[in-house]
Amino acid sequence: MHVISRKALSPFWELYPDSKNALSIDNEEDYDIAIERLNNLIDEVGTNERHPLYGLLDRLGMVIHAYEEKHYPIADGVYIIES
């Protein structure tokens, strides 16, 4: 289990004054904000699973994934191929 210290979280949280609902997506605006936050976390954390913010990155990714599954479902056996 990763424990995020307040000190490690503060620089990230200060970037988002509306972050009280950082792990909640209720609409498209929340979704866009969550994607931006995830991208910022990826820039900061990368793939370092020992980074203090890795747990937040992981959880935010799960929240985004759940929202996408509900609002942008892809039928079984259907694959999107970009060329």
Foldseek 3Di string as FASTA:
>chain_A
DADADCVLCVVLVVVPVPCPPLLDDDDPVSLVVLVVSLVVVCVVCPPPCPRNCNVVNVSSVVSSVVVCCVPPNDDPPDDDDDD
